[in-house]
Amino acid sequence: MTHSLHREGSVVSLERDYCMLIYPARGWNTDGVTPKVQRLLELVFLENPSNLLVKTLHKNLYSGVTRQEMIDSVRDNSRAFCVFNRRRKLVKALRAIKAADEGISIVVTGLIDGVREICEEVGLDPHTINMSLGVHGRTELLPPADIRQYTTMCGHGMVSPGLIRDAIRKVKSGKHSAWDQSIVLAKPCACGIYNPHRSEELLKQMTPLYTVARW
């Protein structure tokens, strides 16, 4: 799934950023899959993902929809995308999913060495590995690297550079918290993999007003 592959930032920041996709295969195992996906979502929610979206609703955790509404919205063709801010959360979720053995494809995105270690720890042998080779072409038209740390957290590019710059200004003014502005940035994400916990930490690094991380 290439839309989750192009996240940018420092190694330290990306070590707290893991995407996971629940992906029934169209034409292969979608018939009657609704209760299986619902069960997997229940297991994922036990580990408190930083964000999540079910494609039937097209709304993420910060768009005014409850976890139960997400679970209830699942249909046979539903896919779910989520992101975790801690390695241990992903490990626990994968262990629970492996034990459930529902026969549904799971895609994990993160720093390659970290993902390999997690798969080894959980006892999983990856079927396929995709890697980002970076961005090519007229890269001078891209936002600067500090802004791309935010924009690339939404795989569909729905978090605009202008909105990010506005959030940075508001946090720097001291009138808005880094967490509140991270929620503002997470809301437009159409794939549910914008990580507001990571975003909060990035915003805090721009001002001495915040010293306690939400990890």
Protein backbone atom coordinates (compact mmCIF):
# COMPACT_ATOMS: atom_id res chain seq x y z
CA MET A 1 0.00 0.00 0.00
CA THR A 2 2.05 2.91 -1.28
CA HIS A 3 -0.09 5.64 0.33
CA SER A 4 1.41 4.82 3.74
CA LEU A 5 5.02 4.44 2.56
CA HIS A 6 6.22 7.99 2.09
CA ARG A 7 6.25 9.38 5.63
CA GLU A 8 9.17 11.71 6.27
CA GLY A 9 11.01 12.80 9.40
CA SER A 10 13.81 11.87 11.75
CA VAL A 11 14.43 8.27 12.78
CA VAL A 12 13.53 9.15 16.38
CA SER A 13 10.17 10.58 15.29
CA LEU A 14 9.37 7.73 12.88
CA GLU A 15 10.13 5.14 15.54
CA ARG A 16 6.87 6.31 17.14
CA ASP A 17 4.81 5.99 13.99
CA TYR A 18 3.45 2.64 12.74
CA CYS A 19 0.59 2.24 10.27
CA MET A 20 -1.51 -0.91 10.06
CA LEU A 21 -4.11 -1.78 7.42
CA ILE A 22 -6.78 -4.48 7.65
CA TYR A 23 -7.29 -5.47 4.05
CA PRO A 24 -9.75 -8.13 2.83
CA ALA A 25 -8.86 -9.10 -0.74
CA ARG A 26 -11.53 -8.07 -3.24
CA GLY A 27 -12.76 -11.08 -5.19
CA TRP A 28 -10.98 -13.48 -2.84
CA ASN A 29 -12.26 -13.35 0.74
CA THR A 30 -14.69 -10.43 1.00
CA ASP A 31 -17.90 -12.48 1.09
CA GLY A 32 -19.09 -12.89 4.67
CA VAL A 33 -16.03 -11.09 6.05
CA THR A 34 -17.98 -8.46 8.04
CA PRO A 35 -17.85 -10.18 11.47
CA LYS A 36 -14.17 -11.00 10.98
CA VAL A 37 -13.20 -7.39 10.30
CA GLN A 38 -15.37 -6.26 13.21
CA ARG A 39 -13.55 -8.67 15.51
CA LEU A 40 -10.17 -7.41 14.33
CA LEU A 41 -11.26 -3.81 14.90
CA GLU A 42 -12.27 -4.68 18.46
CA LEU A 43 -8.78 -6.11 19.02
CA VAL A 44 -7.15 -3.02 17.53
CA PHE A 45 -9.19 -0.66 19.68
CA LEU A 46 -7.99 -2.49 22.80
CA GLU A 47 -4.54 -1.03 22.05
CA ASN A 48 -5.78 2.56 21.65
CA PRO A 49 -4.60 3.46 18.13
CA SER A 50 -3.68 7.09 17.54
CA ASN A 51 -6.07 7.23 14.62
CA LEU A 52 -8.32 4.88 12.65
CA LEU A 53 -10.68 4.98 9.71
CA VAL A 54 -13.12 2.46 8.22
CA LYS A 55 -13.62 3.05 4.50
CA THR A 56 -17.41 2.68 4.70
CA LEU A 57 -17.65 5.85 6.81
CA HIS A 58 -14.76 7.87 5.39
CA LYS A 59 -14.37 9.46 8.82
CA ASN A 60 -11.47 9.07 11.21
CA LEU A 61 -11.41 9.08 15.02
CA TYR A 62 -11.33 12.89 15.07
CA SER A 63 -14.24 13.46 12.68
CA GLY A 64 -17.07 13.07 15.18
CA VAL A 65 -17.61 9.32 14.91
CA THR A 66 -17.39 6.84 17.79
CA ARG A 67 -15.44 3.60 17.87
CA GLN A 68 -18.66 1.58 18.03
CA GLU A 69 -20.07 3.43 15.03
CA MET A 70 -16.93 2.47 13.12
CA ILE A 71 -17.31 -1.18 14.06
CA ASP A 72 -21.02 -1.17 13.19
CA SER A 73 -20.32 0.42 9.80
CA VAL A 74 -18.23 -2.53 8.58
CA ARG A 75 -19.51 -4.31 5.47
CA ASP A 76 -18.09 -7.19 3.45
CA ASN A 77 -16.00 -4.87 1.29
CA SER A 78 -14.73 -2.75 4.20
CA ARG A 79 -11.08 -1.98 4.81
CA ALA A 80 -9.69 -0.29 7.90
CA PHE A 81 -6.57 1.84 8.30
CA CYS A 82 -4.97 2.84 11.60
CA VAL A 83 -1.77 4.18 13.14
CA PHE A 84 -0.05 3.55 16.46
CA ASN A 85 2.32 5.87 18.30
CA ARG A 86 4.09 3.14 20.26
CA ARG A 87 5.86 -0.01 19.10
CA ARG A 88 4.45 -2.06 21.99
CA LYS A 89 0.87 -1.21 20.96
CA LEU A 90 1.46 -2.51 17.45
CA VAL A 91 3.14 -5.66 18.79
CA LYS A 92 0.20 -6.41 21.09
CA ALA A 93 -2.32 -5.77 18.31
CA LEU A 94 -0.47 -8.04 15.89
CA ARG A 95 -0.23 -10.81 18.46
CA ALA A 96 -3.98 -10.63 19.07
CA ILE A 97 -4.71 -10.59 15.33
CA LYS A 98 -2.41 -13.55 14.75
CA ALA A 99 -4.16 -15.50 17.51
CA ALA A 100 -7.59 -14.64 16.04
CA ASP A 101 -6.46 -16.15 12.71
CA GLU A 102 -9.26 -14.64 10.63
CA GLY A 103 -7.41 -15.10 7.33
CA ILE A 104 -7.37 -11.39 6.43
CA SER A 105 -4.33 -9.58 5.04
CA ILE A 106 -2.61 -7.16 7.41
CA VAL A 107 -0.24 -4.48 6.11
CA VAL A 108 2.25 -2.79 8.45
CA THR A 109 4.23 0.34 7.56
CA GLY A 110 7.20 1.73 9.45
CA LEU A 111 10.97 1.94 9.38
CA ILE A 112 12.03 -1.30 7.66
CA ASP A 113 14.42 -2.51 10.36
CA GLY A 114 11.83 -1.90 13.05
CA VAL A 115 9.08 -3.69 11.13
CA ARG A 116 11.34 -6.68 10.51
CA GLU A 117 12.12 -6.88 14.23
CA ILE A 118 8.43 -6.66 15.13
CA CYS A 119 7.53 -9.46 12.69
CA GLU A 120 10.27 -11.63 14.20
CA GLU A 121 9.07 -10.87 17.71
CA VAL A 122 5.46 -11.72 16.88
CA GLY A 123 6.38 -14.77 14.80
CA LEU A 124 5.21 -13.49 11.42
CA ASP A 125 6.85 -14.08 8.05
CA PRO A 126 6.01 -11.15 5.73
CA HIS A 127 4.44 -12.19 2.44
CA THR A 128 5.49 -9.05 0.55
CA ILE A 129 7.74 -6.07 1.29
CA ASN A 130 7.35 -2.68 -0.41
CA MET A 131 9.87 0.13 0.05
CA SER A 132 9.70 3.82 -0.77
CA LEU A 133 12.50 5.01 -3.06
CA GLY A 134 11.78 8.63 -2.27
CA VAL A 135 10.21 11.39 -4.34
CA HIS A 136 11.53 12.21 -7.81
CA GLY A 137 10.82 14.92 -10.34
CA ARG A 138 10.36 18.62 -9.65
CA THR A 139 10.98 18.34 -5.93
CA GLU A 140 11.52 22.10 -5.70
CA LEU A 141 7.73 22.41 -5.90
CA LEU A 142 7.27 20.42 -2.70
CA PRO A 143 6.80 22.05 0.70
CA PRO A 144 10.00 22.21 2.80
CA ALA A 145 11.08 19.15 4.78
CA ASP A 146 9.79 20.46 8.13
CA ILE A 147 6.29 20.79 6.63
CA ARG A 148 6.47 17.42 4.84
CA GLN A 149 6.85 15.72 8.24
CA TYR A 150 3.17 16.56 8.68
CA THR A 151 1.80 16.36 5.12
CA THR A 152 3.17 12.87 4.49
CA MET A 153 1.30 11.48 7.50
CA CYS A 154 -1.87 11.62 5.39
CA GLY A 155 -1.44 9.18 2.53
CA HIS A 156 -3.93 11.08 0.37
CA GLY A 157 -2.35 14.50 0.88
CA MET A 158 -5.44 15.98 2.52
CA VAL A 159 -3.56 17.86 5.26
CA SER A 160 -2.50 21.02 3.51
CA PRO A 161 0.76 22.93 4.07
CA GLY A 162 -1.29 26.08 4.73
CA LEU A 163 -3.23 24.40 7.53
CA ILE A 164 0.04 23.14 9.03
CA ARG A 165 1.65 26.57 8.96
CA ASP A 166 -1.44 28.02 10.63
CA ALA A 167 -1.21 25.36 13.37
CA ILE A 168 2.48 26.16 13.90
CA ARG A 169 1.70 29.88 14.23
CA LYS A 170 -1.07 29.23 16.74
CA VAL A 171 1.09 26.98 18.92
CA LYS A 172 3.97 29.44 18.81
CA SER A 173 1.61 32.21 19.94
CA GLY A 174 0.99 30.29 23.16
CA LYS A 175 -2.78 30.63 22.74
CA HIS A 176 -3.37 27.10 21.45
CA SER A 177 -2.05 23.75 22.65
CA ALA A 178 -0.01 21.45 20.44
CA TRP A 179 -2.55 18.66 21.03
CA ASP A 180 -5.58 20.76 20.04
CA GLN A 181 -3.87 21.85 16.83
CA SER A 182 -2.83 18.25 16.11
CA ILE A 183 -6.50 17.28 16.24
CA VAL A 184 -7.27 20.07 13.77
CA LEU A 185 -4.63 18.62 11.45
CA ALA A 186 -5.88 15.05 11.88
CA LYS A 187 -9.52 15.76 10.99
CA PRO A 188 -9.10 16.16 7.19
CA CYS A 189 -7.10 12.92 6.83
CA ALA A 190 -9.09 10.69 4.46
CA CYS A 191 -7.15 7.52 5.24
CA GLY A 192 -7.06 7.56 9.05
CA ILE A 193 -3.27 7.28 9.31
CA TYR A 194 -2.43 10.86 10.32
CA ASN A 195 -0.77 10.45 13.72
CA PRO A 196 -1.79 13.34 16.01
CA HIS A 197 0.47 12.10 18.82
CA ARG A 198 3.50 12.40 16.57
CA SER A 199 2.17 15.69 15.25
CA GLU A 200 1.85 17.02 18.81
CA GLU A 201 5.46 16.14 19.50
CA LEU A 202 6.62 17.88 16.32
CA LEU A 203 4.70 21.02 17.28
CA LYS A 204 6.10 20.96 20.81
CA GLN A 205 9.64 20.91 19.45
CA MET A 206 9.01 24.34 17.96
CA THR A 207 8.38 26.02 21.31
CA PRO A 208 9.67 25.69 24.89
CA LEU A 209 6.13 26.00 26.24
CA TYR A 210 5.55 22.24 26.09
CA THR A 211 7.79 19.78 27.90
CA VAL A 212 5.61 16.72 28.57
CA ALA A 213 5.06 14.28 25.71
CA ARG A 214 1.79 12.40 25.27
CA TRP A 215 3.44 9.11 24.39
